[in-house]
């Protein structure tokens, strides 16, 4: 059984679904057979495929996923077949097939015609967090930058193989740098740094953002995180603004800042000291890195900027985080922090902002682990975590990997952006983060006043 566990981890680690299924859900197999979602270990016909070398059967198995887990085990659409009867689309739920890769490319500019009638999606029901509303205005405002060049610069974590930079020119780059907060205006918080525990204090990490999406039916939900880096820009992951998320979740419409507990209008300490209500701001535009390919599971260049419709006023609960300084990075074993409202070990979204400290992982070990799943890591990606039960999860996609400066333990900077990984908190499988320092010039070239 152990070897099965290892092989299952490798096969299922990097299929990042955005629609979660539950045990017993009705589904359609890749052969369009009506079946139910079961643990892979309770579906012998598909479990037997794991040791096969038949690529069609392995593809059938991967396309039989239900995009969910039960007690940590992947759920599969368990029917009577373990191979394609005819070439067909991938696993389907609720009689609605997912598109093939070719269809996904064709459909990426289209929006879903109706939302799923599923109460499990109501994980942020306060105010307009998850509601139905006006579905007008469905022309995507996502922008992809057209030009980039590459400066192959080795990072001091010992495994750099590329530093992707923009091509806006030094003049535009300097203007962009001037639009970002100065060193004395970013990365500070009013609350004392809290050691230990998993729940953040009110006002801790005031740069944390929630990204809200709306589908064609008007249904709204939060599905990604981000970091405020100036009064107008949120730093997040490219996969949070383009690709599969557009089809399966919806259009990015708003950013929420100053949030702590999504169940409360205002968060209070013993009903005496309360924070300000969170701020929901419209998205003016989003800018994914031009070299990001959402059909490539390597997730290179998984970084994006979201421009807000108006500047935000900084307060004790809404403040920007610093960008890394040139040459500033963590080395093996250094502790870094991940925070957000993502999935916990119970695979449910947390209503309260959580945090966890994880170590920078050994680069060679990390590369070897991920190479078994066909992932070739670059120096523009950071490995961190890999401890059992400690990691960022899907709901935190786009959120920051952060630490305090060596020169000032009270000032925080964003070192990475949550990109992808294995199932949350899987021992021996670190999370992968986009290395922000590798994209500083691209950020400076992209921001405008």
Protein backbone atom coordinates (compact mmCIF):
# COMPACT_ATOMS: atom_id res chain seq x y z
CA UNK A 1 0.00 0.00 0.00
CA UNK A 2 2.89 2.38 0.70
CA UNK A 3 4.08 2.28 -2.89
CA UNK A 4 0.51 2.99 -4.00
CA UNK A 5 0.47 6.05 -1.70
CA UNK A 6 3.70 7.37 -3.21
CA UNK A 7 2.54 6.84 -6.78
CA UNK A 8 -0.85 8.41 -6.08
CA UNK A 9 0.88 11.48 -4.64
CA UNK A 10 3.01 11.86 -7.75
CA UNK A 11 0.11 11.33 -10.16
CA UNK A 12 -2.34 13.66 -8.45
CA UNK A 13 -0.12 16.29 -6.87
CA UNK A 14 -0.24 18.92 -9.57
CA UNK A 15 -3.73 18.78 -11.02
CA UNK A 16 -5.07 22.02 -9.59
CA UNK A 17 -8.83 21.91 -9.84
CA UNK A 18 -10.92 24.87 -8.77
CA UNK A 19 -14.27 23.11 -8.30
CA UNK A 20 -14.26 20.92 -5.21
CA UNK A 21 -16.18 17.62 -5.15
CA UNK A 22 -17.38 15.60 -2.17
CA UNK A 23 -17.46 11.87 -1.52
CA UNK A 24 -20.52 10.35 -3.20
CA UNK A 25 -21.07 13.17 -5.69
CA UNK A 26 -22.53 12.15 -9.04
CA UNK A 27 -20.00 12.44 -11.86
CA UNK A 28 -19.36 11.34 -15.43
CA UNK A 29 -16.28 9.31 -16.32
CA UNK A 30 -14.13 10.19 -19.36
CA UNK A 31 -16.30 7.63 -21.22
CA UNK A 32 -19.45 9.55 -20.21
CA UNK A 33 -20.55 6.80 -17.84
CA UNK A 34 -22.60 8.03 -14.88
CA UNK A 35 -20.72 7.14 -11.67
CA UNK A 36 -19.90 8.42 -8.18
CA UNK A 37 -16.87 10.12 -6.63
CA UNK A 38 -14.91 7.70 -4.43
CA UNK A 39 -11.55 7.57 -2.73
CA UNK A 40 -8.96 6.23 -5.16
CA UNK A 41 -8.29 3.44 -2.65
CA UNK A 42 -11.95 2.36 -2.80
CA UNK A 43 -11.94 2.16 -6.60
CA UNK A 44 -9.93 -0.93 -7.42
CA UNK A 45 -10.40 -0.69 -11.17
CA UNK A 46 -8.64 2.69 -11.24
CA UNK A 47 -6.18 1.84 -8.49
CA UNK A 48 -4.90 -1.01 -10.66
CA UNK A 49 -3.95 1.55 -13.32
CA UNK A 50 -1.31 3.15 -11.09
CA UNK A 51 1.31 0.49 -11.77
CA UNK A 52 0.66 0.34 -15.47
CA UNK A 53 2.90 1.93 -18.07
CA UNK A 54 0.05 2.35 -20.52
CA UNK A 55 -0.11 6.09 -21.18
CA UNK A 56 -3.75 6.01 -22.30
CA UNK A 57 -4.80 4.34 -19.07
CA UNK A 58 -2.74 6.77 -17.01
CA UNK A 59 -4.35 9.68 -18.86
CA UNK A 60 -7.77 8.12 -18.25
CA UNK A 61 -6.95 7.93 -14.53
CA UNK A 62 -5.83 11.56 -14.36
CA UNK A 63 -8.96 12.66 -16.22
CA UNK A 64 -11.10 10.67 -13.78
CA UNK A 65 -10.41 13.05 -10.90
CA UNK A 66 -13.30 14.63 -9.02
CA UNK A 67 -11.19 17.63 -7.89
CA UNK A 68 -11.53 16.83 -4.22
CA UNK A 69 -10.15 14.82 -1.33
CA UNK A 70 -11.58 12.63 1.41
CA UNK A 71 -9.41 12.36 4.52
CA UNK A 72 -6.44 13.28 2.37
CA UNK A 73 -7.13 10.72 -0.38
CA UNK A 74 -7.88 11.92 -3.94
CA UNK A 75 -11.45 11.40 -5.13
CA UNK A 76 -11.99 9.77 -8.53
CA UNK A 77 -15.04 9.20 -10.71
CA UNK A 78 -15.28 5.44 -10.24
CA UNK A 79 -17.11 3.60 -13.01
CA UNK A 80 -16.63 0.25 -14.75
CA UNK A 81 -13.82 1.27 -17.14
CA UNK A 82 -10.15 2.07 -16.70
CA UNK A 83 -9.43 3.08 -20.28
CA UNK A 84 -10.99 5.15 -23.05
CA UNK A 85 -13.72 3.50 -25.07
CA UNK A 86 -13.46 6.43 -27.45
CA UNK A 87 -11.50 9.65 -27.22
CA UNK A 88 -13.63 11.91 -25.07
CA UNK A 89 -13.46 14.86 -22.77
CA UNK A 90 -12.14 14.65 -19.23
CA UNK A 91 -14.08 13.93 -16.04
CA UNK A 92 -17.43 15.66 -15.72
CA UNK A 93 -19.57 16.55 -12.74
CA UNK A 94 -23.27 17.26 -12.66
CA UNK A 95 -23.62 16.32 -16.36
CA UNK A 96 -21.38 19.16 -17.43
CA UNK A 97 -18.10 17.99 -19.09
CA UNK A 98 -14.88 19.85 -18.64
CA UNK A 99 -13.32 21.01 -21.91
CA UNK A 100 -10.27 19.36 -23.39
CA UNK A 101 -7.07 21.42 -23.57
CA UNK A 102 -7.93 22.55 -27.10
CA UNK A 103 -11.46 23.45 -26.08
CA UNK A 104 -10.16 25.26 -23.02
CA UNK A 105 -7.97 27.47 -25.19
CA UNK A 106 -10.91 28.19 -27.46
CA UNK A 107 -13.26 28.90 -24.56
CA UNK A 108 -11.01 30.90 -22.29
CA UNK A 109 -12.64 34.16 -23.39
CA UNK A 110 -16.14 32.83 -22.77
CA UNK A 111 -17.88 32.79 -19.42
CA UNK A 112 -19.91 30.09 -17.79
CA UNK A 113 -23.60 30.46 -18.57
CA UNK A 114 -24.77 29.45 -15.11
CA UNK A 115 -23.30 28.96 -11.65
CA UNK A 116 -23.29 25.63 -9.89
CA UNK A 117 -26.17 25.31 -7.45
CA UNK A 118 -23.92 24.21 -4.61
CA UNK A 119 -24.05 25.56 -1.07
CA UNK A 120 -20.48 24.38 -0.49
CA UNK A 121 -19.36 27.46 -2.38
CA UNK A 122 -20.83 29.79 0.26
CA UNK A 123 -17.64 30.07 2.26
CA UNK A 124 -17.58 33.87 2.47
CA UNK A 125 -21.23 34.89 2.72
CA UNK A 126 -20.86 38.19 4.55
CA UNK A 127 -21.92 41.29 2.64
CA UNK A 128 -21.23 40.74 -1.08
CA UNK A 129 -18.56 38.11 -0.58
CA UNK A 130 -20.68 35.39 -2.22
CA UNK A 131 -23.93 36.72 -3.58
CA UNK A 132 -25.84 36.92 -6.79
CA UNK A 133 -25.88 40.20 -8.61
CA UNK A 134 -25.73 42.00 -11.91
CA UNK A 135 -24.05 39.91 -14.59
CA UNK A 136 -23.59 42.76 -17.06
CA UNK A 137 -20.20 43.98 -18.21
CA UNK A 138 -18.57 40.67 -19.03
CA UNK A 139 -15.76 41.88 -21.27
CA UNK A 140 -12.56 40.72 -19.60
CA UNK A 141 -10.26 43.48 -18.38
CA UNK A 142 -7.27 41.19 -18.07
CA UNK A 143 -4.21 42.53 -19.85
CA UNK A 144 -1.14 40.58 -20.83
CA UNK A 145 2.08 42.49 -21.34
CA UNK A 146 3.55 41.99 -24.80
CA UNK A 147 7.26 42.32 -24.26
CA UNK A 148 9.83 40.80 -21.99
CA UNK A 149 13.46 39.88 -22.05
CA UNK A 150 15.46 37.58 -19.85
CA UNK A 151 18.53 38.26 -17.76
CA UNK A 152 20.03 34.96 -16.66
CA UNK A 153 21.05 35.94 -13.17
CA UNK A 154 21.88 33.34 -10.51
CA UNK A 155 20.16 33.91 -7.19
CA UNK A 156 22.08 33.35 -3.97
CA UNK A 157 19.86 30.42 -3.01
CA UNK A 158 22.13 28.36 -5.24
CA UNK A 159 19.81 27.24 -8.03
CA UNK A 160 18.91 30.27 -10.10
CA UNK A 161 18.67 29.82 -13.85
CA UNK A 162 16.90 32.92 -15.01
CA UNK A 163 15.76 36.37 -13.95
CA UNK A 164 12.78 37.42 -16.07
CA UNK A 165 12.60 41.17 -16.52
CA UNK A 166 10.43 43.61 -18.41
CA UNK A 167 11.59 45.82 -21.24
CA UNK A 168 10.06 49.14 -20.37
CA UNK A 169 13.43 50.93 -20.33
CA UNK A 170 15.24 52.56 -17.44
CA UNK A 171 13.14 55.74 -17.57
CA UNK A 172 9.82 53.94 -17.25
CA UNK A 173 11.36 51.57 -14.71
CA UNK A 174 12.48 54.46 -12.52
CA UNK A 175 9.01 56.01 -12.73
CA UNK A 176 7.49 52.70 -11.69
CA UNK A 177 9.89 52.42 -8.79
CA UNK A 178 8.95 55.94 -7.68
CA UNK A 179 5.25 54.99 -7.65
CA UNK A 180 5.84 52.33 -5.01
CA UNK A 181 6.11 53.14 -1.29
CA UNK A 182 9.50 54.15 0.04
CA UNK A 183 11.38 51.91 2.46
CA UNK A 184 9.94 53.80 5.42
CA UNK A 185 6.32 53.42 4.25
CA UNK A 186 5.94 49.67 3.73
CA UNK A 187 6.07 46.42 5.65
CA UNK A 188 5.12 47.73 9.10
CA UNK A 189 2.16 46.73 11.27
CA UNK A 190 0.76 48.18 14.48
CA UNK A 191 0.32 44.85 16.28
CA UNK A 192 3.27 43.14 17.91
CA UNK A 193 4.66 40.18 16.05
CA UNK A 194 2.87 37.06 17.29
CA UNK A 195 5.00 33.95 17.74
CA UNK A 196 3.37 30.54 17.59
CA UNK A 197 -0.27 29.72 16.93
CA UNK A 198 -2.09 29.75 13.63
CA UNK A 199 -4.70 32.52 13.92
CA UNK A 200 -3.50 36.02 13.18
CA UNK A 201 -4.17 39.00 15.41
CA UNK A 202 -6.53 41.72 14.19
CA UNK A 203 -4.41 44.02 12.06
CA UNK A 204 -1.62 41.51 11.56
CA UNK A 205 -0.35 41.45 7.96
CA UNK A 206 -2.44 44.47 6.88
CA UNK A 207 -1.32 44.04 3.25
CA UNK A 208 -3.25 40.78 2.81
CA UNK A 209 -5.93 40.89 0.12
CA UNK A 210 -8.82 38.66 -0.95
CA UNK A 211 -9.67 38.47 -4.66
CA UNK A 212 -13.35 38.23 -5.55
CA UNK A 213 -14.77 36.71 -8.73
CA UNK A 214 -18.19 36.69 -10.38
CA UNK A 215 -19.56 34.14 -12.82
CA UNK A 216 -22.08 34.72 -15.60
CA UNK A 217 -25.02 34.05 -13.31
CA UNK A 218 -23.87 36.81 -10.95
CA UNK A 219 -22.57 34.48 -8.26
CA UNK A 220 -19.59 35.93 -6.36
CA UNK A 221 -16.87 34.19 -4.39
CA UNK A 222 -13.34 34.65 -3.10
CA UNK A 223 -10.85 32.27 -4.69
CA UNK A 224 -7.34 33.79 -4.46
CA UNK A 225 -5.21 36.00 -2.30
CA UNK A 226 -2.74 38.77 -2.93
CA UNK A 227 -0.57 41.46 -1.37
CA UNK A 228 -1.02 45.23 -1.42
CA UNK A 229 2.26 46.75 -2.67
CA UNK A 230 1.08 50.33 -3.29
CA UNK A 231 -2.10 52.39 -3.07
CA UNK A 232 -3.19 51.09 -6.50
CA UNK A 233 -1.64 47.64 -7.01
CA UNK A 234 -2.07 44.10 -5.70
CA UNK A 235 0.65 41.51 -6.31
CA UNK A 236 -0.76 38.04 -7.00
CA UNK A 237 -0.27 34.95 -9.20
CA UNK A 238 -0.92 34.90 -12.94
CA UNK A 239 -3.10 31.80 -12.54
CA UNK A 240 -5.40 33.94 -10.38
CA UNK A 241 -6.22 36.27 -13.28
CA UNK A 242 -6.02 34.19 -16.48
CA UNK A 243 -6.69 30.62 -17.57
CA UNK A 244 -8.79 27.98 -15.85
CA UNK A 245 -9.98 30.32 -13.10
CA UNK A 246 -11.81 32.45 -15.68
CA UNK A 247 -13.83 29.46 -16.86
CA UNK A 248 -14.51 27.65 -13.60
CA UNK A 249 -14.77 30.55 -11.12
CA UNK A 250 -15.43 33.72 -13.07
CA UNK A 251 -14.17 37.19 -13.77
CA UNK A 252 -12.02 39.03 -11.22
CA UNK A 253 -14.13 42.00 -10.14
CA UNK A 254 -13.10 43.20 -6.68
CA UNK A 255 -10.35 43.16 -4.09
CA UNK A 256 -11.06 43.13 -0.36
CA UNK A 257 -8.57 44.78 2.01
CA UNK A 258 -8.52 45.10 5.79
CA UNK A 259 -10.22 41.75 6.35
CA UNK A 260 -9.71 39.45 9.34
CA UNK A 261 -12.84 37.34 9.96
CA UNK A 262 -15.17 37.05 6.97
CA UNK A 263 -18.11 36.23 9.27
CA UNK A 264 -18.06 39.64 10.95
CA UNK A 265 -18.79 43.13 9.67
CA UNK A 266 -16.22 44.44 12.14
CA UNK A 267 -13.68 42.46 14.10
CA UNK A 268 -13.37 43.28 17.79
CA UNK A 269 -11.21 42.33 20.76
CA UNK A 270 -13.49 41.48 23.70
CA UNK A 271 -16.15 43.72 22.13
CA UNK A 272 -14.14 46.80 23.07
CA UNK A 273 -11.48 47.52 20.47
CA UNK A 274 -12.73 47.09 16.90
CA UNK A 275 -11.12 47.48 13.53
CA UNK A 276 -12.54 49.38 10.59
CA UNK A 277 -14.90 47.54 8.23
CA UNK A 278 -13.09 45.88 5.32
CA UNK A 279 -12.80 47.75 2.07
CA UNK A 280 -14.07 46.28 -1.21
CA UNK A 281 -12.53 47.98 -4.24
CA UNK A 282 -13.34 47.45 -7.92
CA UNK A 283 -10.66 46.04 -10.17
CA UNK A 284 -9.68 48.36 -13.01
CA UNK A 285 -7.38 45.93 -14.82
CA UNK A 286 -5.15 42.92 -14.28
CA UNK A 287 -1.76 42.22 -15.82
CA UNK A 288 -0.44 38.67 -16.05
CA UNK A 289 3.20 38.21 -17.01
CA UNK A 290 3.33 37.90 -20.80
CA UNK A 291 5.38 34.69 -20.64
CA UNK A 292 3.00 32.87 -18.32
CA UNK A 293 1.40 29.87 -20.05
CA UNK A 294 -1.67 28.64 -18.18
CA UNK A 295 -1.64 25.35 -20.11
CA UNK A 296 1.82 24.49 -18.78
CA UNK A 297 1.91 22.80 -15.37
CA UNK A 298 5.44 24.11 -14.79
CA UNK A 299 3.87 27.46 -13.81
CA UNK A 300 6.86 29.54 -14.92
CA UNK A 301 6.33 33.33 -14.66
CA UNK A 302 3.30 32.82 -12.40
CA UNK A 303 3.01 36.43 -11.33
CA UNK A 304 0.50 39.23 -11.97
CA UNK A 305 -0.46 42.72 -10.88
CA UNK A 306 -4.03 43.87 -10.26
CA UNK A 307 -4.71 47.59 -10.61
CA UNK A 308 -7.44 48.99 -8.37
CA UNK A 309 -10.03 51.45 -9.69
CA UNK A 310 -8.95 54.05 -7.13
CA UNK A 311 -6.12 54.53 -4.65
CA UNK A 312 -6.68 53.20 -1.15
CA UNK A 313 -6.06 55.19 2.01
CA UNK A 314 -3.58 53.48 4.30
CA UNK A 315 -4.57 52.80 7.91
CA UNK A 316 -3.61 50.48 10.76
CA UNK A 317 -5.52 47.73 8.93
CA UNK A 318 -4.59 48.48 5.31
CA UNK A 319 -0.91 48.94 4.55
CA UNK A 320 1.48 47.86 1.78
CA UNK A 321 4.19 45.25 2.14
CA UNK A 322 7.71 45.95 0.86
CA UNK A 323 9.18 44.38 -2.23
CA UNK A 324 12.54 42.65 -1.80
CA UNK A 325 15.67 44.70 -2.24
CA UNK A 326 18.14 43.59 -4.92
CA UNK A 327 20.03 40.56 -3.63
CA UNK A 328 17.68 40.07 -0.68
CA UNK A 329 16.58 36.45 -0.29
CA UNK A 330 16.35 33.61 2.18
CA UNK A 331 18.70 30.65 2.28
CA UNK A 332 18.24 27.01 3.24
CA UNK A 333 16.46 26.57 6.57
CA UNK A 334 15.40 30.20 7.02
CA UNK A 335 11.85 30.49 8.33
CA UNK A 336 9.34 32.31 6.17
CA UNK A 337 5.65 33.00 6.76
CA UNK A 338 2.54 32.20 4.73
CA UNK A 339 -0.84 33.70 5.66
CA UNK A 340 -4.35 33.71 4.26
CA UNK A 341 -7.88 32.34 4.40
CA UNK A 342 -7.17 29.14 2.48
CA UNK A 343 -7.95 25.52 3.06
CA UNK A 344 -6.97 23.89 6.32
CA UNK A 345 -6.28 20.22 6.99
CA UNK A 346 -10.09 19.79 7.05
CA UNK A 347 -10.18 20.94 3.41
CA UNK A 348 -12.54 23.79 4.29
CA UNK A 349 -11.89 27.46 3.75
CA UNK A 350 -11.11 29.30 6.97
CA UNK A 351 -13.21 32.39 7.77
CA UNK A 352 -10.30 33.80 9.82
CA UNK A 353 -6.93 34.89 8.48
CA UNK A 354 -4.39 32.21 9.42
CA UNK A 355 -0.60 32.04 9.34
CA UNK A 356 2.11 29.41 9.39
CA UNK A 357 5.90 29.45 9.47
CA UNK A 358 7.70 27.14 7.06
CA UNK A 359 11.37 26.65 6.17
CA UNK A 360 13.09 27.34 2.87
CA UNK A 361 13.65 23.85 1.44
CA UNK A 362 16.84 22.35 0.07
CA UNK A 363 16.90 23.21 -3.62
CA UNK A 364 18.48 19.99 -4.89
CA UNK A 365 16.12 17.76 -2.90
CA UNK A 366 13.16 19.83 -4.05
CA UNK A 367 14.16 19.60 -7.68
CA UNK A 368 14.55 15.85 -7.45
CA UNK A 369 11.15 15.40 -5.80
CA UNK A 370 9.32 17.47 -8.38
CA UNK A 371 11.20 15.97 -11.32
CA UNK A 372 9.45 12.67 -10.52
CA UNK A 373 6.20 14.38 -11.42
CA UNK A 374 7.61 15.91 -14.60
CA UNK A 375 8.14 19.36 -13.06
CA UNK A 376 11.44 21.11 -13.86
CA UNK A 377 11.94 23.98 -11.44
CA UNK A 378 13.77 27.19 -12.28
CA UNK A 379 15.60 29.82 -10.26
CA UNK A 380 12.55 32.05 -10.64
CA UNK A 381 10.73 29.62 -8.32
CA UNK A 382 11.25 29.08 -4.58
CA UNK A 383 10.76 25.83 -2.65
CA UNK A 384 9.46 26.21 0.89
CA UNK A 385 7.66 23.96 3.36
CA UNK A 386 7.23 20.24 2.96
CA UNK A 387 6.47 19.68 6.64
CA UNK A 388 3.46 17.55 7.48
CA UNK A 389 0.37 19.69 8.04
CA UNK A 390 2.17 22.98 7.38
CA UNK A 391 1.81 24.62 4.00
CA UNK A 392 -0.26 27.03 1.97
CA UNK A 393 -3.34 25.66 0.22
CA UNK A 394 -5.34 26.32 -2.93
CA UNK A 395 -7.38 29.15 -1.42
CA UNK A 396 -4.16 31.05 -0.71
CA UNK A 397 -3.04 31.01 -4.34
CA UNK A 398 -1.47 34.34 -5.15
CA UNK A 399 -0.84 35.18 -1.50
CA UNK A 400 2.58 36.19 -0.15
CA UNK A 401 5.51 34.18 1.12
CA UNK A 402 7.05 36.74 3.46
CA UNK A 403 9.68 37.39 6.08
CA UNK A 404 11.18 40.27 8.04
CA UNK A 405 14.30 42.08 6.96
CA UNK A 406 17.63 41.08 8.45
CA UNK A 407 18.30 44.77 9.07
CA UNK A 408 14.91 45.45 10.73
CA UNK A 409 12.90 42.63 12.32
CA UNK A 410 9.77 44.81 12.34
CA UNK A 411 9.66 45.36 8.58
CA UNK A 412 8.19 42.70 6.28
CA UNK A 413 8.84 42.09 2.62
CA UNK A 414 7.26 39.69 0.13
CA UNK A 415 9.73 37.08 -1.04
CA UNK A 416 7.42 34.82 -3.02
CA UNK A 417 3.92 34.41 -4.45
CA UNK A 418 2.04 31.16 -3.78
CA UNK A 419 2.02 29.25 -7.07
CA UNK A 420 1.38 25.50 -6.72
CA UNK A 421 2.24 22.32 -4.84
CA UNK A 422 1.02 18.94 -3.73
CA UNK A 423 -1.98 18.42 -1.47
CA UNK A 424 -1.86 20.82 1.48
CA UNK A 425 0.74 19.97 4.09
CA UNK A 426 2.08 16.85 2.35
CA UNK A 427 5.30 15.77 4.02
CA UNK A 428 8.29 15.80 1.69
CA UNK A 429 6.56 17.93 -0.96
CA UNK A 430 7.40 21.63 -0.53
CA UNK A 431 5.19 24.33 -1.95
CA UNK A 432 6.38 26.25 -5.00
CA UNK A 433 6.43 30.05 -4.94
CA UNK A 434 7.23 32.57 -7.64
CA UNK A 435 10.46 34.36 -6.71
CA UNK A 436 9.47 38.04 -6.55
CA UNK A 437 13.07 39.30 -6.70
CA UNK A 438 13.34 37.74 -10.16
CA UNK A 439 10.54 40.00 -11.43
CA UNK A 440 11.34 43.38 -9.85
CA UNK A 441 12.05 45.05 -13.19
CA UNK A 442 8.83 43.62 -14.64
CA UNK A 443 6.90 45.08 -11.68
CA UNK A 444 8.55 48.49 -12.09
CA UNK A 445 7.79 48.43 -15.82
CA UNK A 446 4.14 47.48 -15.28
CA UNK A 447 2.94 49.89 -12.58
CA UNK A 448 1.62 53.26 -13.75
CA UNK A 449 0.23 56.32 -12.02
